[in-house]
Each structure stands twice: as structure tokens, then as C-alpha cells.
Amino acid sequence: MTQGCVRLGQALETPAPGRDGQQAVVFFRPEDVHISGDGKGQPALIEARMFQGLLTRVQLCIEHEQPVRIHAELPSREAVALEPGTLVRVKIPQEVVHVFPLEE
């Protein structure tokens, strides 16, 4: 947490409780992870893809201060073109992110 915010590159930025430098746990749902089509967002590498009927779960790796792995659930018709090894950009809307400071 820095300057009262939690950031994951250009993927998300949200106000956070706690003090600067304190570690935090960040929660969001896989269906709230958006693959950006406008060139904005944080670069992420598609590591795996699992078809689940109407939805496909995609495992993404974001290189930030250290590798961060997240999941996205996307409509299968949109995910069909997202092959492992493809670089995409992701965004997570601020209003769906929940932040909890870790106690020290």
C-alpha cells in the first residue's frame, strides 16, 4: 500500500484502509477481470485456459514487482482466440475490488 492506494500496475488502483507500507490482501471476482481491447490496462500473459461451457477460465500472469497470477472468467466465445502464450492487457474496475490490511 502506498499513498493510501493499492495498485497492480495499470490493472487496478483503489483506495485502501491502513497505512502506507502496510501489506494488504486484495479480493475481486474472476468475472470482474476484463481483457482490454483499447490498449489500456496492465500487460498479462495467458498461461492456461480451461473451457467450462458458457465460460472459460483463463489464468493470467502479471509481471509487477513480482509475478502475480490471477484468473479471469470470460464468455467462451470471446476466449476462444486467447491462446496460452498470448499477451493481453487487463483491467479490474475499482468498484469491485475489496482491500483488507494485514495485521502486523
N, C-alpha and C. Protein backbone atom coordinates (compact mmCIF):
# COMPACT_ATOMS: atom_id res chain seq x y z
N MET A 1 0.84 -1.16 0.00
CA MET A 1 0.00 0.00 0.00
C MET A 1 0.90 1.24 0.00
N THR A 2 0.70 2.12 -0.94
CA THR A 2 1.43 3.38 -0.95
C THR A 2 0.48 4.52 -1.26
N GLN A 3 0.70 5.62 -0.60
CA GLN A 3 -0.11 6.82 -0.78
C GLN A 3 -1.61 6.54 -0.65
N GLY A 4 -1.96 5.62 0.28
CA GLY A 4 -3.36 5.31 0.55
C GLY A 4 -4.04 4.48 -0.51
N CYS A 5 -3.27 3.89 -1.43
CA CYS A 5 -3.84 3.10 -2.52
C CYS A 5 -3.13 1.76 -2.66
N VAL A 6 -3.86 0.82 -3.21
CA VAL A 6 -3.28 -0.44 -3.65
C VAL A 6 -3.29 -0.40 -5.17
N ARG A 7 -2.16 -0.76 -5.78
CA ARG A 7 -2.05 -0.75 -7.24
C ARG A 7 -1.49 -2.08 -7.71
N LEU A 8 -1.94 -2.50 -8.85
CA LEU A 8 -1.37 -3.63 -9.56
C LEU A 8 -1.09 -3.14 -10.97
N GLY A 9 0.03 -2.43 -11.08
CA GLY A 9 0.37 -1.82 -12.36
C GLY A 9 -0.77 -0.97 -12.85
N GLN A 10 -1.14 -1.16 -14.10
CA GLN A 10 -2.26 -0.42 -14.70
C GLN A 10 -3.55 -1.24 -14.67
N ALA A 11 -3.51 -2.41 -14.00
CA ALA A 11 -4.70 -3.26 -13.94
C ALA A 11 -5.71 -2.74 -12.94
N LEU A 12 -5.23 -2.28 -11.78
CA LEU A 12 -6.15 -1.76 -10.79
C LEU A 12 -5.47 -0.76 -9.89
N GLU A 13 -6.26 0.16 -9.42
CA GLU A 13 -5.85 1.14 -8.41
C GLU A 13 -7.09 1.46 -7.60
N THR A 14 -6.97 1.29 -6.29
CA THR A 14 -8.12 1.52 -5.43
C THR A 14 -7.68 2.04 -4.08
N PRO A 15 -8.46 2.91 -3.45
CA PRO A 15 -8.13 3.37 -2.10
C PRO A 15 -8.09 2.17 -1.15
N ALA A 16 -7.22 2.29 -0.15
CA ALA A 16 -7.07 1.18 0.78
C ALA A 16 -7.02 1.68 2.22
N PRO A 17 -7.64 0.93 3.12
CA PRO A 17 -7.52 1.27 4.53
C PRO A 17 -6.13 0.89 5.02
N GLY A 18 -5.74 1.43 6.13
CA GLY A 18 -4.41 1.10 6.67
C GLY A 18 -3.43 2.22 6.41
N ARG A 19 -2.17 1.94 6.64
CA ARG A 19 -1.13 2.97 6.50
C ARG A 19 -0.17 2.61 5.37
N ASP A 20 0.53 3.60 4.87
CA ASP A 20 1.49 3.38 3.80
C ASP A 20 2.52 2.34 4.22
N GLY A 21 2.87 1.47 3.29
CA GLY A 21 3.84 0.44 3.54
C GLY A 21 3.27 -0.82 4.15
N GLN A 22 2.03 -0.77 4.62
CA GLN A 22 1.40 -1.94 5.22
C GLN A 22 0.95 -2.89 4.11
N GLN A 23 1.12 -4.18 4.34
CA GLN A 23 0.68 -5.17 3.37
C GLN A 23 -0.84 -5.31 3.43
N ALA A 24 -1.41 -5.73 2.32
CA ALA A 24 -2.86 -5.87 2.24
C ALA A 24 -3.21 -7.10 1.42
N VAL A 25 -4.42 -7.60 1.64
CA VAL A 25 -4.98 -8.66 0.84
C VAL A 25 -6.04 -8.02 -0.05
N VAL A 26 -6.01 -8.36 -1.34
CA VAL A 26 -6.92 -7.77 -2.31
C VAL A 26 -7.80 -8.87 -2.90
N PHE A 27 -9.12 -8.66 -2.88
CA PHE A 27 -10.07 -9.62 -3.41
C PHE A 27 -10.87 -9.00 -4.55
N PHE A 28 -11.12 -9.81 -5.59
CA PHE A 28 -12.03 -9.47 -6.67
C PHE A 28 -12.44 -10.78 -7.32
N ARG A 29 -13.53 -10.77 -8.02
CA ARG A 29 -14.06 -11.99 -8.65
C ARG A 29 -13.46 -12.17 -10.05
N PRO A 30 -13.24 -13.41 -10.45
CA PRO A 30 -12.69 -13.66 -11.79
C PRO A 30 -13.54 -13.07 -12.91
N GLU A 31 -14.85 -13.00 -12.70
CA GLU A 31 -15.71 -12.44 -13.75
C GLU A 31 -15.59 -10.92 -13.86
N ASP A 32 -14.91 -10.29 -12.89
CA ASP A 32 -14.71 -8.84 -12.93
C ASP A 32 -13.39 -8.44 -13.57
N VAL A 33 -12.59 -9.41 -13.99
CA VAL A 33 -11.34 -9.13 -14.70
C VAL A 33 -11.69 -8.96 -16.17
N HIS A 34 -11.31 -7.82 -16.74
CA HIS A 34 -11.65 -7.52 -18.13
C HIS A 34 -10.40 -7.53 -19.00
N ILE A 35 -10.51 -8.19 -20.14
CA ILE A 35 -9.45 -8.12 -21.15
C ILE A 35 -9.72 -6.84 -21.93
N SER A 36 -8.72 -5.96 -21.95
CA SER A 36 -8.89 -4.65 -22.56
C SER A 36 -8.68 -4.73 -24.07
N GLY A 37 -9.60 -4.16 -24.79
CA GLY A 37 -9.47 -4.10 -26.24
C GLY A 37 -9.00 -2.73 -26.72
N ASP A 38 -8.81 -1.79 -25.78
CA ASP A 38 -8.46 -0.43 -26.17
C ASP A 38 -6.98 -0.10 -25.96
N GLY A 39 -6.17 -1.12 -25.64
CA GLY A 39 -4.74 -0.89 -25.44
C GLY A 39 -4.38 -0.37 -24.06
N LYS A 40 -5.39 -0.16 -23.20
CA LYS A 40 -5.14 0.30 -21.84
C LYS A 40 -5.16 -0.89 -20.90
N GLY A 41 -4.58 -0.71 -19.72
CA GLY A 41 -4.54 -1.79 -18.75
C GLY A 41 -3.13 -2.34 -18.61
N GLN A 42 -2.99 -3.33 -17.75
CA GLN A 42 -1.70 -3.92 -17.44
C GLN A 42 -1.43 -5.13 -18.34
N PRO A 43 -0.24 -5.21 -18.95
CA PRO A 43 0.08 -6.40 -19.74
C PRO A 43 0.03 -7.65 -18.87
N ALA A 44 -0.52 -8.71 -19.41
CA ALA A 44 -0.62 -10.00 -18.72
C ALA A 44 -0.45 -11.12 -19.74
N LEU A 45 0.25 -12.16 -19.34
CA LEU A 45 0.48 -13.31 -20.20
C LEU A 45 -0.55 -14.39 -19.89
N ILE A 46 -1.19 -14.91 -20.91
CA ILE A 46 -2.12 -16.01 -20.71
C ILE A 46 -1.30 -17.28 -20.53
N GLU A 47 -1.45 -17.91 -19.35
CA GLU A 47 -0.70 -19.12 -19.06
C GLU A 47 -1.52 -20.39 -19.33
N ALA A 48 -2.82 -20.32 -19.12
CA ALA A 48 -3.67 -21.50 -19.32
C ALA A 48 -5.09 -21.05 -19.58
N ARG A 49 -5.86 -21.96 -20.16
CA ARG A 49 -7.25 -21.67 -20.48
C ARG A 49 -8.04 -22.96 -20.28
N MET A 50 -9.18 -22.86 -19.57
CA MET A 50 -10.00 -24.04 -19.31
C MET A 50 -11.44 -23.76 -19.72
N PHE A 51 -11.90 -24.47 -20.71
CA PHE A 51 -13.28 -24.35 -21.19
C PHE A 51 -14.21 -24.92 -20.14
N GLN A 52 -15.28 -24.16 -19.79
CA GLN A 52 -16.25 -24.60 -18.78
C GLN A 52 -17.68 -24.39 -19.27
N GLY A 53 -17.89 -24.60 -20.54
CA GLY A 53 -19.23 -24.39 -21.10
C GLY A 53 -19.38 -22.96 -21.57
N LEU A 54 -20.34 -22.22 -21.00
CA LEU A 54 -20.57 -20.83 -21.41
C LEU A 54 -19.39 -19.93 -21.06
N LEU A 55 -18.65 -20.30 -20.01
CA LEU A 55 -17.50 -19.50 -19.58
C LEU A 55 -16.21 -20.27 -19.77
N THR A 56 -15.13 -19.54 -19.93
CA THR A 56 -13.79 -20.11 -19.98
C THR A 56 -12.97 -19.42 -18.92
N ARG A 57 -12.28 -20.20 -18.09
CA ARG A 57 -11.39 -19.64 -17.06
C ARG A 57 -9.99 -19.51 -17.67
N VAL A 58 -9.45 -18.31 -17.54
CA VAL A 58 -8.13 -18.01 -18.09
C VAL A 58 -7.20 -17.67 -16.93
N GLN A 59 -6.04 -18.33 -16.88
CA GLN A 59 -5.03 -17.99 -15.87
C GLN A 59 -4.07 -16.99 -16.50
N LEU A 60 -3.88 -15.87 -15.80
CA LEU A 60 -3.03 -14.78 -16.29
C LEU A 60 -1.88 -14.55 -15.34
N CYS A 61 -0.73 -14.18 -15.89
CA CYS A 61 0.42 -13.81 -15.07
C CYS A 61 0.77 -12.36 -15.38
N ILE A 62 0.74 -11.54 -14.34
CA ILE A 62 1.09 -10.12 -14.46
C ILE A 62 2.47 -9.94 -13.82
N GLU A 63 3.39 -9.39 -14.58
CA GLU A 63 4.71 -9.06 -14.03
C GLU A 63 4.61 -7.67 -13.43
N HIS A 64 4.72 -7.61 -12.11
CA HIS A 64 4.68 -6.33 -11.41
C HIS A 64 5.97 -6.25 -10.61
N GLU A 65 5.93 -6.03 -9.33
CA GLU A 65 7.13 -6.10 -8.51
C GLU A 65 7.60 -7.54 -8.42
N GLN A 66 6.67 -8.45 -8.49
CA GLN A 66 6.92 -9.89 -8.59
C GLN A 66 5.78 -10.46 -9.40
N PRO A 67 5.91 -11.67 -9.95
CA PRO A 67 4.80 -12.22 -10.73
C PRO A 67 3.55 -12.39 -9.88
N VAL A 68 2.41 -11.98 -10.44
CA VAL A 68 1.12 -12.10 -9.78
C VAL A 68 0.21 -12.89 -10.71
N ARG A 69 -0.38 -13.96 -10.20
CA ARG A 69 -1.27 -14.78 -11.01
C ARG A 69 -2.72 -14.51 -10.59
N ILE A 70 -3.53 -14.26 -11.60
CA ILE A 70 -4.96 -14.04 -11.37
C ILE A 70 -5.74 -14.87 -12.37
N HIS A 71 -7.03 -15.02 -12.11
CA HIS A 71 -7.92 -15.73 -13.03
C HIS A 71 -8.98 -14.77 -13.55
N ALA A 72 -9.37 -15.01 -14.79
CA ALA A 72 -10.48 -14.28 -15.40
C ALA A 72 -11.47 -15.31 -15.91
N GLU A 73 -12.75 -15.04 -15.75
CA GLU A 73 -13.79 -15.86 -16.35
C GLU A 73 -14.44 -15.04 -17.45
N LEU A 74 -14.34 -15.55 -18.66
CA LEU A 74 -14.80 -14.82 -19.84
C LEU A 74 -15.80 -15.66 -20.61
N PRO A 75 -16.71 -15.01 -21.33
CA PRO A 75 -17.59 -15.78 -22.21
C PRO A 75 -16.73 -16.62 -23.17
N SER A 76 -17.07 -17.87 -23.32
CA SER A 76 -16.26 -18.78 -24.13
C SER A 76 -16.10 -18.31 -25.57
N ARG A 77 -17.10 -17.67 -26.11
CA ARG A 77 -16.98 -17.18 -27.49
C ARG A 77 -15.90 -16.10 -27.62
N GLU A 78 -15.70 -15.33 -26.56
CA GLU A 78 -14.63 -14.31 -26.58
C GLU A 78 -13.27 -14.94 -26.29
N ALA A 79 -13.25 -15.96 -25.47
CA ALA A 79 -11.99 -16.55 -25.02
C ALA A 79 -11.38 -17.51 -26.03
N VAL A 80 -12.14 -17.91 -27.03
CA VAL A 80 -11.65 -18.91 -27.98
C VAL A 80 -10.35 -18.45 -28.68
N ALA A 81 -10.18 -17.17 -28.88
CA ALA A 81 -8.99 -16.65 -29.56
C ALA A 81 -7.81 -16.41 -28.61
N LEU A 82 -8.01 -16.60 -27.33
CA LEU A 82 -6.97 -16.32 -26.34
C LEU A 82 -6.16 -17.57 -26.04
N GLU A 83 -5.13 -17.79 -26.81
CA GLU A 83 -4.28 -18.97 -26.66
C GLU A 83 -3.25 -18.75 -25.57
N PRO A 84 -2.86 -19.80 -24.85
CA PRO A 84 -1.74 -19.68 -23.92
C PRO A 84 -0.51 -19.13 -24.65
N GLY A 85 0.19 -18.23 -23.96
CA GLY A 85 1.35 -17.56 -24.56
C GLY A 85 1.03 -16.21 -25.15
N THR A 86 -0.26 -15.87 -25.25
CA THR A 86 -0.69 -14.59 -25.80
C THR A 86 -0.57 -13.51 -24.73
N LEU A 87 -0.08 -12.35 -25.14
CA LEU A 87 0.00 -11.20 -24.23
C LEU A 87 -1.25 -10.34 -24.45
N VAL A 88 -1.95 -10.05 -23.36
CA VAL A 88 -3.16 -9.22 -23.40
C VAL A 88 -2.99 -8.11 -22.38
N ARG A 89 -3.96 -7.23 -22.29
CA ARG A 89 -3.98 -6.20 -21.26
C ARG A 89 -5.24 -6.39 -20.44
N VAL A 90 -5.11 -6.25 -19.12
CA VAL A 90 -6.24 -6.48 -18.23
C VAL A 90 -6.53 -5.25 -17.37
N LYS A 91 -7.81 -5.11 -17.02
CA LYS A 91 -8.27 -4.05 -16.12
C LYS A 91 -9.28 -4.66 -15.15
N ILE A 92 -9.26 -4.13 -13.93
CA ILE A 92 -10.21 -4.56 -12.91
C ILE A 92 -10.85 -3.29 -12.35
N PRO A 93 -12.15 -3.12 -12.51
CA PRO A 93 -12.80 -1.89 -12.05
C PRO A 93 -12.66 -1.69 -10.53
N GLN A 94 -12.37 -0.49 -10.14
CA GLN A 94 -12.15 -0.13 -8.74
C GLN A 94 -13.33 -0.53 -7.86
N GLU A 95 -14.55 -0.39 -8.35
CA GLU A 95 -15.72 -0.62 -7.50
C GLU A 95 -15.94 -2.09 -7.14
N VAL A 96 -15.23 -3.02 -7.77
CA VAL A 96 -15.41 -4.44 -7.45
C VAL A 96 -14.28 -4.99 -6.59
N VAL A 97 -13.31 -4.15 -6.25
CA VAL A 97 -12.14 -4.59 -5.51
C VAL A 97 -12.35 -4.35 -4.01
N HIS A 98 -12.01 -5.35 -3.20
CA HIS A 98 -12.08 -5.26 -1.75
C HIS A 98 -10.67 -5.41 -1.19
N VAL A 99 -10.29 -4.50 -0.30
CA VAL A 99 -8.93 -4.49 0.26
C VAL A 99 -9.02 -4.59 1.77
N PHE A 100 -8.19 -5.49 2.32
CA PHE A 100 -8.13 -5.68 3.76
C PHE A 100 -6.67 -5.59 4.20
N PRO A 101 -6.34 -4.66 5.08
CA PRO A 101 -4.96 -4.55 5.55
C PRO A 101 -4.59 -5.77 6.41
N LEU A 102 -3.36 -6.22 6.27
CA LEU A 102 -2.88 -7.33 7.10
C LEU A 102 -2.41 -6.79 8.43
N GLU A 103 -2.75 -7.47 9.47
CA GLU A 103 -2.32 -7.08 10.81
C GLU A 103 -0.86 -7.49 10.99
N GLU A 104 -0.11 -6.66 11.65
CA GLU A 104 1.32 -6.96 11.89
C GLU A 104 1.54 -7.39 13.29
